[in-house]
Amino acid sequence: LRIVLDSVVAVSAFLTEGIAADMVSQCQESVYLYTTEE
């Protein structure tokens, strides 16, 4: 799958060891992640 995270989810992944952080970890294995400099 090809996905884009909004900055709120990225911030949440950084701050807490919850769903967003787990998702970022899983994404490395099973999805293509896209973002922008913005």
PDB file of all heavy atoms in Angstrom:
ATOM      1  N   LEU A   1       0.837  -1.194   0.000  1.00  0.00           N
ATOM      2  CA  LEU A   1       0.000   0.000   0.000  1.00  0.00           C
ATOM      3  C   LEU A   1       0.870   1.242   0.000  1.00  0.00           C
ATOM      4  O   LEU A   1       1.975   1.252   0.537  1.00  0.00           O
ATOM      5  CB  LEU A   1      -0.908  -0.003   1.227  1.00  0.00           C
ATOM      6  CG  LEU A   1      -1.927  -1.136   1.304  1.00  0.00           C
ATOM      7  CD1 LEU A   1      -2.667  -1.099   2.634  1.00  0.00           C
ATOM      8  CD2 LEU A   1      -2.901  -1.059   0.138  1.00  0.00           C
ATOM      9  N   ARG A   2       0.340   2.300  -0.582  1.00  0.00           N
ATOM     10  CA  ARG A   2       1.018   3.586  -0.645  1.00  0.00           C
ATOM     11  C   ARG A   2       0.243   4.536   0.265  1.00  0.00           C
ATOM     12  O   ARG A   2      -0.955   4.708   0.075  1.00  0.00           O
ATOM     13  CB  ARG A   2       1.027   4.090  -2.078  1.00  0.00           C
ATOM     14  CG  ARG A   2       1.736   3.129  -3.020  1.00  0.00           C
ATOM     15  CD  ARG A   2       1.396   3.397  -4.476  1.00  0.00           C
ATOM     16  NE  ARG A   2       2.048   4.581  -4.977  1.00  0.00           N
ATOM     17  CZ  ARG A   2       3.161   4.589  -5.703  1.00  0.00           C
ATOM     18  NH1 ARG A   2       3.735   3.453  -6.022  1.00  0.00           N
ATOM     19  NH2 ARG A   2       3.677   5.722  -6.122  1.00  0.00           N
ATOM     20  N   ILE A   3       0.958   5.135   1.248  1.00  0.00           N
ATOM     21  CA  ILE A   3       0.260   5.970   2.225  1.00  0.00           C
ATOM     22  C   ILE A   3       0.967   7.306   2.442  1.00  0.00           C
ATOM     23  O   ILE A   3       2.161   7.446   2.169  1.00  0.00           O
ATOM     24  CB  ILE A   3       0.075   5.260   3.576  1.00  0.00           C
ATOM     25  CG1 ILE A   3       1.420   5.090   4.300  1.00  0.00           C
ATOM     26  CG2 ILE A   3      -0.627   3.920   3.412  1.00  0.00           C
ATOM     27  CD1 ILE A   3       1.270   4.758   5.765  1.00  0.00           C
ATOM     28  N   VAL A   4       0.186   8.256   2.957  1.00  0.00           N
ATOM     29  CA  VAL A   4       0.688   9.560   3.379  1.00  0.00           C
ATOM     30  C   VAL A   4       0.201   9.766   4.807  1.00  0.00           C
ATOM     31  O   VAL A   4      -0.981   9.559   5.101  1.00  0.00           O
ATOM     32  CB  VAL A   4       0.164  10.689   2.459  1.00  0.00           C
ATOM     33  CG1 VAL A   4       0.551  12.061   3.004  1.00  0.00           C
ATOM     34  CG2 VAL A   4       0.657  10.496   1.029  1.00  0.00           C
ATOM     35  N   LEU A   5       1.113  10.171   5.690  1.00  0.00           N
ATOM     36  CA  LEU A   5       0.756  10.517   7.068  1.00  0.00           C
ATOM     37  C   LEU A   5       0.618  12.024   7.170  1.00  0.00           C
ATOM     38  O   LEU A   5       1.461  12.752   6.644  1.00  0.00           O
ATOM     39  CB  LEU A   5       1.843  10.098   8.052  1.00  0.00           C
ATOM     40  CG  LEU A   5       2.258   8.641   8.114  1.00  0.00           C
ATOM     41  CD1 LEU A   5       3.360   8.465   9.146  1.00  0.00           C
ATOM     42  CD2 LEU A   5       1.079   7.762   8.440  1.00  0.00           C
ATOM     43  N   ASP A   6      -0.398  12.486   7.873  1.00  0.00           N
ATOM     44  CA  ASP A   6      -0.428  13.923   8.133  1.00  0.00           C
ATOM     45  C   ASP A   6       0.519  14.225   9.292  1.00  0.00           C
ATOM     46  O   ASP A   6       0.992  13.325   9.998  1.00  0.00           O
ATOM     47  CB  ASP A   6      -1.848  14.448   8.352  1.00  0.00           C
ATOM     48  CG  ASP A   6      -2.460  14.134   9.698  1.00  0.00           C
ATOM     49  OD1 ASP A   6      -1.761  13.622  10.593  1.00  0.00           O
ATOM     50  OD2 ASP A   6      -3.642  14.434   9.880  1.00  0.00           O
ATOM     51  N   SER A   7       0.840  15.492   9.477  1.00  0.00           N
ATOM     52  CA  SER A   7       1.819  15.869  10.493  1.00  0.00           C
ATOM     53  C   SER A   7       1.323  15.567  11.902  1.00  0.00           C
ATOM     54  O   SER A   7       2.133  15.277  12.794  1.00  0.00           O
ATOM     55  CB  SER A   7       2.210  17.341  10.359  1.00  0.00           C
ATOM     56  OG  SER A   7       1.078  18.166  10.480  1.00  0.00           O
ATOM     57  N   VAL A   8       0.030  15.597  12.133  1.00  0.00           N
ATOM     58  CA  VAL A   8      -0.519  15.290  13.466  1.00  0.00           C
ATOM     59  C   VAL A   8      -0.197  13.844  13.840  1.00  0.00           C
ATOM     60  O   VAL A   8       0.193  13.553  14.977  1.00  0.00           O
ATOM     61  CB  VAL A   8      -2.041  15.553  13.520  1.00  0.00           C
ATOM     62  CG1 VAL A   8      -2.636  15.107  14.837  1.00  0.00           C
ATOM     63  CG2 VAL A   8      -2.333  17.015  13.262  1.00  0.00           C
ATOM     64  N   VAL A   9      -0.326  12.939  12.897  1.00  0.00           N
ATOM     65  CA  VAL A   9      -0.011  11.530  13.148  1.00  0.00           C
ATOM     66  C   VAL A   9       1.493  11.360  13.363  1.00  0.00           C
ATOM     67  O   VAL A   9       1.923  10.623  14.250  1.00  0.00           O
ATOM     68  CB  VAL A   9      -0.527  10.638  12.000  1.00  0.00           C
ATOM     69  CG1 VAL A   9      -0.061   9.193  12.170  1.00  0.00           C
ATOM     70  CG2 VAL A   9      -2.055  10.700  11.936  1.00  0.00           C
ATOM     71  N   ALA A  10       2.292  12.056  12.580  1.00  0.00           N
ATOM     72  CA  ALA A  10       3.750  11.985  12.745  1.00  0.00           C
ATOM     73  C   ALA A  10       4.159  12.498  14.128  1.00  0.00           C
ATOM     74  O   ALA A  10       4.985  11.875  14.809  1.00  0.00           O
ATOM     75  CB  ALA A  10       4.447  12.766  11.638  1.00  0.00           C
ATOM     76  N   VAL A  11       3.573  13.617  14.551  1.00  0.00           N
ATOM     77  CA  VAL A  11       3.873  14.171  15.881  1.00  0.00           C
ATOM     78  C   VAL A  11       3.474  13.159  16.954  1.00  0.00           C
ATOM     79  O   VAL A  11       4.237  12.892  17.889  1.00  0.00           O
ATOM     80  CB  VAL A  11       3.163  15.527  16.092  1.00  0.00           C
ATOM     81  CG1 VAL A  11       3.175  15.936  17.569  1.00  0.00           C
ATOM     82  CG2 VAL A  11       3.805  16.605  15.227  1.00  0.00           C
ATOM     83  N   SER A  12       2.311  12.574  16.820  1.00  0.00           N
ATOM     84  CA  SER A  12       1.832  11.585  17.784  1.00  0.00           C
ATOM     85  C   SER A  12       2.765  10.376  17.837  1.00  0.00           C
ATOM     86  O   SER A  12       3.048   9.842  18.913  1.00  0.00           O
ATOM     87  CB  SER A  12       0.414  11.163  17.416  1.00  0.00           C
ATOM     88  OG  SER A  12      -0.073  10.200  18.305  1.00  0.00           O
ATOM     89  N   ALA A  13       3.268   9.952  16.681  1.00  0.00           N
ATOM     90  CA  ALA A  13       4.196   8.819  16.636  1.00  0.00           C
ATOM     91  C   ALA A  13       5.483   9.130  17.397  1.00  0.00           C
ATOM     92  O   ALA A  13       6.063   8.257  18.036  1.00  0.00           O
ATOM     93  CB  ALA A  13       4.504   8.450  15.191  1.00  0.00           C
ATOM     94  N   PHE A  14       5.912  10.370  17.324  1.00  0.00           N
ATOM     95  CA  PHE A  14       7.115  10.788  18.046  1.00  0.00           C
ATOM     96  C   PHE A  14       6.873  10.841  19.556  1.00  0.00           C
ATOM     97  O   PHE A  14       7.710  10.392  20.339  1.00  0.00           O
ATOM     98  CB  PHE A  14       7.574  12.156  17.544  1.00  0.00           C
ATOM     99  CG  PHE A  14       8.729  12.724  18.308  1.00  0.00           C
ATOM    100  CD1 PHE A  14      10.028  12.331  18.015  1.00  0.00           C
ATOM    101  CD2 PHE A  14       8.530  13.641  19.335  1.00  0.00           C
ATOM    102  CE1 PHE A  14      11.104  12.843  18.718  1.00  0.00           C
ATOM    103  CE2 PHE A  14       9.602  14.165  20.049  1.00  0.00           C
ATOM    104  CZ  PHE A  14      10.898  13.760  19.747  1.00  0.00           C
ATOM    105  N   LEU A  15       5.740  11.385  19.957  1.00  0.00           N
ATOM    106  CA  LEU A  15       5.502  11.690  21.363  1.00  0.00           C
ATOM    107  C   LEU A  15       5.100  10.496  22.214  1.00  0.00           C
ATOM    108  O   LEU A  15       5.400  10.464  23.412  1.00  0.00           O
ATOM    109  CB  LEU A  15       4.413  12.765  21.494  1.00  0.00           C
ATOM    110  CG  LEU A  15       4.767  14.143  20.945  1.00  0.00           C
ATOM    111  CD1 LEU A  15       3.552  15.058  21.034  1.00  0.00           C
ATOM    112  CD2 LEU A  15       5.956  14.736  21.685  1.00  0.00           C
ATOM    113  N   THR A  16       4.394   9.549  21.636  1.00  0.00           N
ATOM    114  CA  THR A  16       3.833   8.483  22.461  1.00  0.00           C
ATOM    115  C   THR A  16       4.126   7.112  21.877  1.00  0.00           C
ATOM    116  O   THR A  16       4.370   6.961  20.690  1.00  0.00           O
ATOM    117  CB  THR A  16       2.308   8.630  22.602  1.00  0.00           C
ATOM    118  OG1 THR A  16       1.705   8.504  21.305  1.00  0.00           O
ATOM    119  CG2 THR A  16       1.928   9.964  23.213  1.00  0.00           C
ATOM    120  N   GLU A  17       4.044   6.135  22.720  1.00  0.00           N
ATOM    121  CA  GLU A  17       4.258   4.755  22.305  1.00  0.00           C
ATOM    122  C   GLU A  17       2.902   4.094  22.048  1.00  0.00           C
ATOM    123  O   GLU A  17       2.660   2.993  22.519  1.00  0.00           O
ATOM    124  CB  GLU A  17       5.004   3.993  23.400  1.00  0.00           C
ATOM    125  CG  GLU A  17       6.306   4.632  23.781  1.00  0.00           C
ATOM    126  CD  GLU A  17       7.491   3.749  23.505  1.00  0.00           C
ATOM    127  OE1 GLU A  17       7.293   2.545  23.301  1.00  0.00           O
ATOM    128  OE2 GLU A  17       8.601   4.274  23.490  1.00  0.00           O
ATOM    129  N   GLY A  18       2.057   4.762  21.288  1.00  0.00           N
ATOM    130  CA  GLY A  18       0.717   4.238  21.055  1.00  0.00           C
ATOM    131  C   GLY A  18       0.501   3.787  19.633  1.00  0.00           C
ATOM    132  O   GLY A  18       1.413   3.353  18.932  1.00  0.00           O
ATOM    133  N   ILE A  19      -0.739   3.912  19.207  1.00  0.00           N
ATOM    134  CA  ILE A  19      -1.168   3.446  17.894  1.00  0.00           C
ATOM    135  C   ILE A  19      -0.339   4.084  16.768  1.00  0.00           C
ATOM    136  O   ILE A  19       0.108   3.402  15.859  1.00  0.00           O
ATOM    137  CB  ILE A  19      -2.671   3.766  17.675  1.00  0.00           C
ATOM    138  CG1 ILE A  19      -3.535   2.940  18.629  1.00  0.00           C
ATOM    139  CG2 ILE A  19      -3.098   3.538  16.245  1.00  0.00           C
ATOM    140  CD1 ILE A  19      -3.648   1.484  18.296  1.00  0.00           C
ATOM    141  N   ALA A  20      -0.145   5.388  16.816  1.00  0.00           N
ATOM    142  CA  ALA A  20       0.577   6.068  15.725  1.00  0.00           C
ATOM    143  C   ALA A  20       2.015   5.562  15.633  1.00  0.00           C
ATOM    144  O   ALA A  20       2.527   5.316  14.534  1.00  0.00           O
ATOM    145  CB  ALA A  20       0.537   7.582  15.910  1.00  0.00           C
ATOM    146  N   ALA A  21       2.685   5.406  16.763  1.00  0.00           N
ATOM    147  CA  ALA A  21       4.060   4.893  16.747  1.00  0.00           C
ATOM    148  C   ALA A  21       4.098   3.460  16.214  1.00  0.00           C
ATOM    149  O   ALA A  21       4.971   3.108  15.416  1.00  0.00           O
ATOM    150  CB  ALA A  21       4.663   4.968  18.148  1.00  0.00           C
ATOM    151  N   ASP A  22       3.151   2.628  16.659  1.00  0.00           N
ATOM    152  CA  ASP A  22       3.073   1.254  16.158  1.00  0.00           C
ATOM    153  C   ASP A  22       2.851   1.245  14.650  1.00  0.00           C
ATOM    154  O   ASP A  22       3.444   0.443  13.930  1.00  0.00           O
ATOM    155  CB  ASP A  22       1.927   0.488  16.836  1.00  0.00           C
ATOM    156  CG  ASP A  22       2.199   0.213  18.307  1.00  0.00           C
ATOM    157  OD1 ASP A  22       3.363   0.355  18.740  1.00  0.00           O
ATOM    158  OD2 ASP A  22       1.235  -0.125  19.012  1.00  0.00           O
ATOM    159  N   MET A  23       1.993   2.145  14.200  1.00  0.00           N
ATOM    160  CA  MET A  23       1.696   2.201  12.775  1.00  0.00           C
ATOM    161  C   MET A  23       2.930   2.581  11.971  1.00  0.00           C
ATOM    162  O   MET A  23       3.210   1.976  10.943  1.00  0.00           O
ATOM    163  CB  MET A  23       0.564   3.187  12.506  1.00  0.00           C
ATOM    164  CG  MET A  23       0.041   3.089  11.101  1.00  0.00           C
ATOM    165  SD  MET A  23      -1.009   4.472  10.730  1.00  0.00           S
ATOM    166  CE  MET A  23       0.145   5.805  10.924  1.00  0.00           C
ATOM    167  N   VAL A  24       3.696   3.557  12.441  1.00  0.00           N
ATOM    168  CA  VAL A  24       4.916   3.954  11.733  1.00  0.00           C
ATOM    169  C   VAL A  24       5.883   2.774  11.668  1.00  0.00           C
ATOM    170  O   VAL A  24       6.481   2.515  10.629  1.00  0.00           O
ATOM    171  CB  VAL A  24       5.562   5.202  12.377  1.00  0.00           C
ATOM    172  CG1 VAL A  24       6.949   5.461  11.806  1.00  0.00           C
ATOM    173  CG2 VAL A  24       4.674   6.422  12.144  1.00  0.00           C
ATOM    174  N   SER A  25       5.996   2.019  12.748  1.00  0.00           N
ATOM    175  CA  SER A  25       6.863   0.834  12.745  1.00  0.00           C
ATOM    176  C   SER A  25       6.378  -0.197  11.737  1.00  0.00           C
ATOM    177  O   SER A  25       7.166  -0.743  10.973  1.00  0.00           O
ATOM    178  CB  SER A  25       6.899   0.194  14.135  1.00  0.00           C
ATOM    179  OG  SER A  25       7.503   1.066  15.043  1.00  0.00           O
ATOM    180  N   GLN A  26       5.087  -0.460  11.729  1.00  0.00           N
ATOM    181  CA  GLN A  26       4.534  -1.429  10.784  1.00  0.00           C
ATOM    182  C   GLN A  26       4.677  -0.947   9.348  1.00  0.00           C
ATOM    183  O   GLN A  26       4.874  -1.738   8.433  1.00  0.00           O
ATOM    184  CB  GLN A  26       3.060  -1.705  11.094  1.00  0.00           C
ATOM    185  CG  GLN A  26       2.861  -2.573  12.307  1.00  0.00           C
ATOM    186  CD  GLN A  26       1.414  -3.012  12.445  1.00  0.00           C
ATOM    187  OE1 GLN A  26       0.727  -3.245  11.460  1.00  0.00           O
ATOM    188  NE2 GLN A  26       0.961  -3.130  13.683  1.00  0.00           N
ATOM    189  N   CYS A  27       4.590   0.357   9.161  1.00  0.00           N
ATOM    190  CA  CYS A  27       4.669   0.912   7.811  1.00  0.00           C
ATOM    191  C   CYS A  27       6.001   0.605   7.154  1.00  0.00           C
ATOM    192  O   CYS A  27       6.063   0.391   5.951  1.00  0.00           O
ATOM    193  CB  CYS A  27       4.465   2.430   7.839  1.00  0.00           C
ATOM    194  SG  CYS A  27       2.748   2.896   8.108  1.00  0.00           S
ATOM    195  N   GLN A  28       7.045   0.577   7.935  1.00  0.00           N
ATOM    196  CA  GLN A  28       8.358   0.315   7.369  1.00  0.00           C
ATOM    197  C   GLN A  28       8.406  -1.045   6.695  1.00  0.00           C
ATOM    198  O   GLN A  28       9.126  -1.236   5.726  1.00  0.00           O
ATOM    199  CB  GLN A  28       9.423   0.397   8.458  1.00  0.00           C
ATOM    200  CG  GLN A  28       9.567   1.799   9.013  1.00  0.00           C
ATOM    201  CD  GLN A  28      10.570   1.826  10.130  1.00  0.00           C
ATOM    202  OE1 GLN A  28      11.726   1.496   9.925  1.00  0.00           O
ATOM    203  NE2 GLN A  28      10.126   2.209  11.316  1.00  0.00           N
ATOM    204  N   GLU A  29       7.623  -1.968   7.196  1.00  0.00           N
ATOM    205  CA  GLU A  29       7.642  -3.332   6.682  1.00  0.00           C
ATOM    206  C   GLU A  29       6.654  -3.560   5.548  1.00  0.00           C
ATOM    207  O   GLU A  29       6.924  -4.345   4.650  1.00  0.00           O
ATOM    208  CB  GLU A  29       7.305  -4.311   7.808  1.00  0.00           C
ATOM    209  CG  GLU A  29       8.185  -4.194   9.011  1.00  0.00           C
ATOM    210  CD  GLU A  29       7.574  -4.866  10.233  1.00  0.00           C
ATOM    211  OE1 GLU A  29       6.532  -5.541  10.115  1.00  0.00           O
ATOM    212  OE2 GLU A  29       8.150  -4.698  11.318  1.00  0.00           O
ATOM    213  N   SER A  30       5.524  -2.882   5.585  1.00  0.00           N
ATOM    214  CA  SER A  30       4.438  -3.331   4.715  1.00  0.00           C
ATOM    215  C   SER A  30       3.815  -2.271   3.822  1.00  0.00           C
ATOM    216  O   SER A  30       2.862  -2.576   3.117  1.00  0.00           O
ATOM    217  CB  SER A  30       3.341  -3.969   5.577  1.00  0.00           C
ATOM    218  OG  SER A  30       2.923  -3.071   6.575  1.00  0.00           O
ATOM    219  N   VAL A  31       4.324  -1.051   3.848  1.00  0.00           N
ATOM    220  CA  VAL A  31       3.763  -0.016   2.973  1.00  0.00           C
ATOM    221  C   VAL A  31       4.871   0.879   2.436  1.00  0.00           C
ATOM    222  O   VAL A  31       5.990   0.897   2.954  1.00  0.00           O
ATOM    223  CB  VAL A  31       2.715   0.882   3.687  1.00  0.00           C
ATOM    224  CG1 VAL A  31       1.593   0.078   4.287  1.00  0.00           C
ATOM    225  CG2 VAL A  31       3.367   1.759   4.726  1.00  0.00           C
ATOM    226  N   TYR A  32       4.537   1.606   1.397  1.00  0.00           N
ATOM    227  CA  TYR A  32       5.390   2.681   0.917  1.00  0.00           C
ATOM    228  C   TYR A  32       4.857   3.970   1.521  1.00  0.00           C
ATOM    229  O   TYR A  32       3.674   4.274   1.392  1.00  0.00           O
ATOM    230  CB  TYR A  32       5.349   2.787  -0.602  1.00  0.00           C
ATOM    231  CG  TYR A  32       5.948   1.602  -1.313  1.00  0.00           C
ATOM    232  CD1 TYR A  32       5.146   0.779  -2.102  1.00  0.00           C
ATOM    233  CD2 TYR A  32       7.304   1.305  -1.211  1.00  0.00           C
ATOM    234  CE1 TYR A  32       5.690  -0.306  -2.767  1.00  0.00           C
ATOM    235  CE2 TYR A  32       7.846   0.210  -1.870  1.00  0.00           C
ATOM    236  CZ  TYR A  32       7.038  -0.584  -2.645  1.00  0.00           C
ATOM    237  OH  TYR A  32       7.572  -1.664  -3.302  1.00  0.00           O
ATOM    238  N   LEU A  33       5.723   4.709   2.167  1.00  0.00           N
ATOM    239  CA  LEU A  33       5.347   5.951   2.822  1.00  0.00           C
ATOM    240  C   LEU A  33       5.809   7.125   1.966  1.00  0.00           C
ATOM    241  O   LEU A  33       6.950   7.149   1.505  1.00  0.00           O
ATOM    242  CB  LEU A  33       5.988   6.005   4.206  1.00  0.00           C
ATOM    243  CG  LEU A  33       5.677   7.189   5.100  1.00  0.00           C
ATOM    244  CD1 LEU A  33       4.181   7.307   5.359  1.00  0.00           C
ATOM    245  CD2 LEU A  33       6.427   7.042   6.423  1.00  0.00           C
ATOM    246  N   TYR A  34       4.916   8.096   1.785  1.00  0.00           N
ATOM    247  CA  TYR A  34       5.215   9.298   1.001  1.00  0.00           C
ATOM    248  C   TYR A  34       4.989  10.520   1.876  1.00  0.00           C
ATOM    249  O   TYR A  34       4.106  10.541   2.723  1.00  0.00           O
ATOM    250  CB  TYR A  34       4.315   9.372  -0.234  1.00  0.00           C
ATOM    251  CG  TYR A  34       4.616   8.268  -1.204  1.00  0.00           C
ATOM    252  CD1 TYR A  34       4.043   7.013  -1.055  1.00  0.00           C
ATOM    253  CD2 TYR A  34       5.515   8.466  -2.247  1.00  0.00           C
ATOM    254  CE1 TYR A  34       4.350   5.982  -1.922  1.00  0.00           C
ATOM    255  CE2 TYR A  34       5.820   7.436  -3.114  1.00  0.00           C
ATOM    256  CZ  TYR A  34       5.238   6.198  -2.945  1.00  0.00           C
ATOM    257  OH  TYR A  34       5.566   5.172  -3.807  1.00  0.00           O
ATOM    258  N   THR A  35       5.796  11.533   1.648  1.00  0.00           N
ATOM    259  CA  THR A  35       5.657  12.778   2.380  1.00  0.00           C
ATOM    260  C   THR A  35       6.156  13.924   1.505  1.00  0.00           C
ATOM    261  O   THR A  35       6.556  13.708   0.364  1.00  0.00           O
ATOM    262  CB  THR A  35       6.419  12.720   3.730  1.00  0.00           C
ATOM    263  OG1 THR A  35       6.004  13.818   4.535  1.00  0.00           O
ATOM    264  CG2 THR A  35       7.922  12.718   3.545  1.00  0.00           C
ATOM    265  N   THR A  36       6.105  15.115   2.066  1.00  0.00           N
ATOM    266  CA  THR A  36       6.644  16.304   1.394  1.00  0.00           C
ATOM    267  C   THR A  36       7.541  17.032   2.384  1.00  0.00           C
ATOM    268  O   THR A  36       7.447  16.807   3.593  1.00  0.00           O
ATOM    269  CB  THR A  36       5.532  17.278   0.957  1.00  0.00           C
ATOM    270  OG1 THR A  36       4.905  17.801   2.141  1.00  0.00           O
ATOM    271  CG2 THR A  36       4.491  16.602   0.071  1.00  0.00           C
ATOM    272  N   GLU A  37       8.365  17.913   1.876  1.00  0.00           N
ATOM    273  CA  GLU A  37       9.165  18.746   2.772  1.00  0.00           C
ATOM    274  C   GLU A  37       8.251  19.565   3.679  1.00  0.00           C
ATOM    275  O   GLU A  37       8.559  19.766   4.851  1.00  0.00           O
ATOM    276  CB  GLU A  37      10.089  19.667   1.984  1.00  0.00           C
ATOM    277  CG  GLU A  37      11.343  18.982   1.496  1.00  0.00           C
ATOM    278  CD  GLU A  37      12.194  18.368   2.602  1.00  0.00           C
ATOM    279  OE1 GLU A  37      12.297  18.956   3.700  1.00  0.00           O
ATOM    280  OE2 GLU A  37      12.754  17.286   2.373  1.00  0.00           O
ATOM    281  N   GLU A  38       7.116  20.007   3.164  1.00  0.00           N
ATOM    282  CA  GLU A  38       6.182  20.804   3.967  1.00  0.00           C
ATOM    283  C   GLU A  38       5.625  20.003   5.136  1.00  0.00           C
ATOM    284  O   GLU A  38       5.510  20.530   6.246  1.00  0.00           O
ATOM    285  CB  GLU A  38       5.037  21.334   3.093  1.00  0.00           C
ATOM    286  CG  GLU A  38       5.465  22.352   2.068  1.00  0.00           C
ATOM    287  CD  GLU A  38       5.908  21.761   0.732  1.00  0.00           C
ATOM    288  OE1 GLU A  38       6.137  20.534   0.639  1.00  0.00           O
ATOM    289  OE2 GLU A  38       6.066  22.539  -0.215  1.00  0.00           O
TER     290      GLU A  38
END
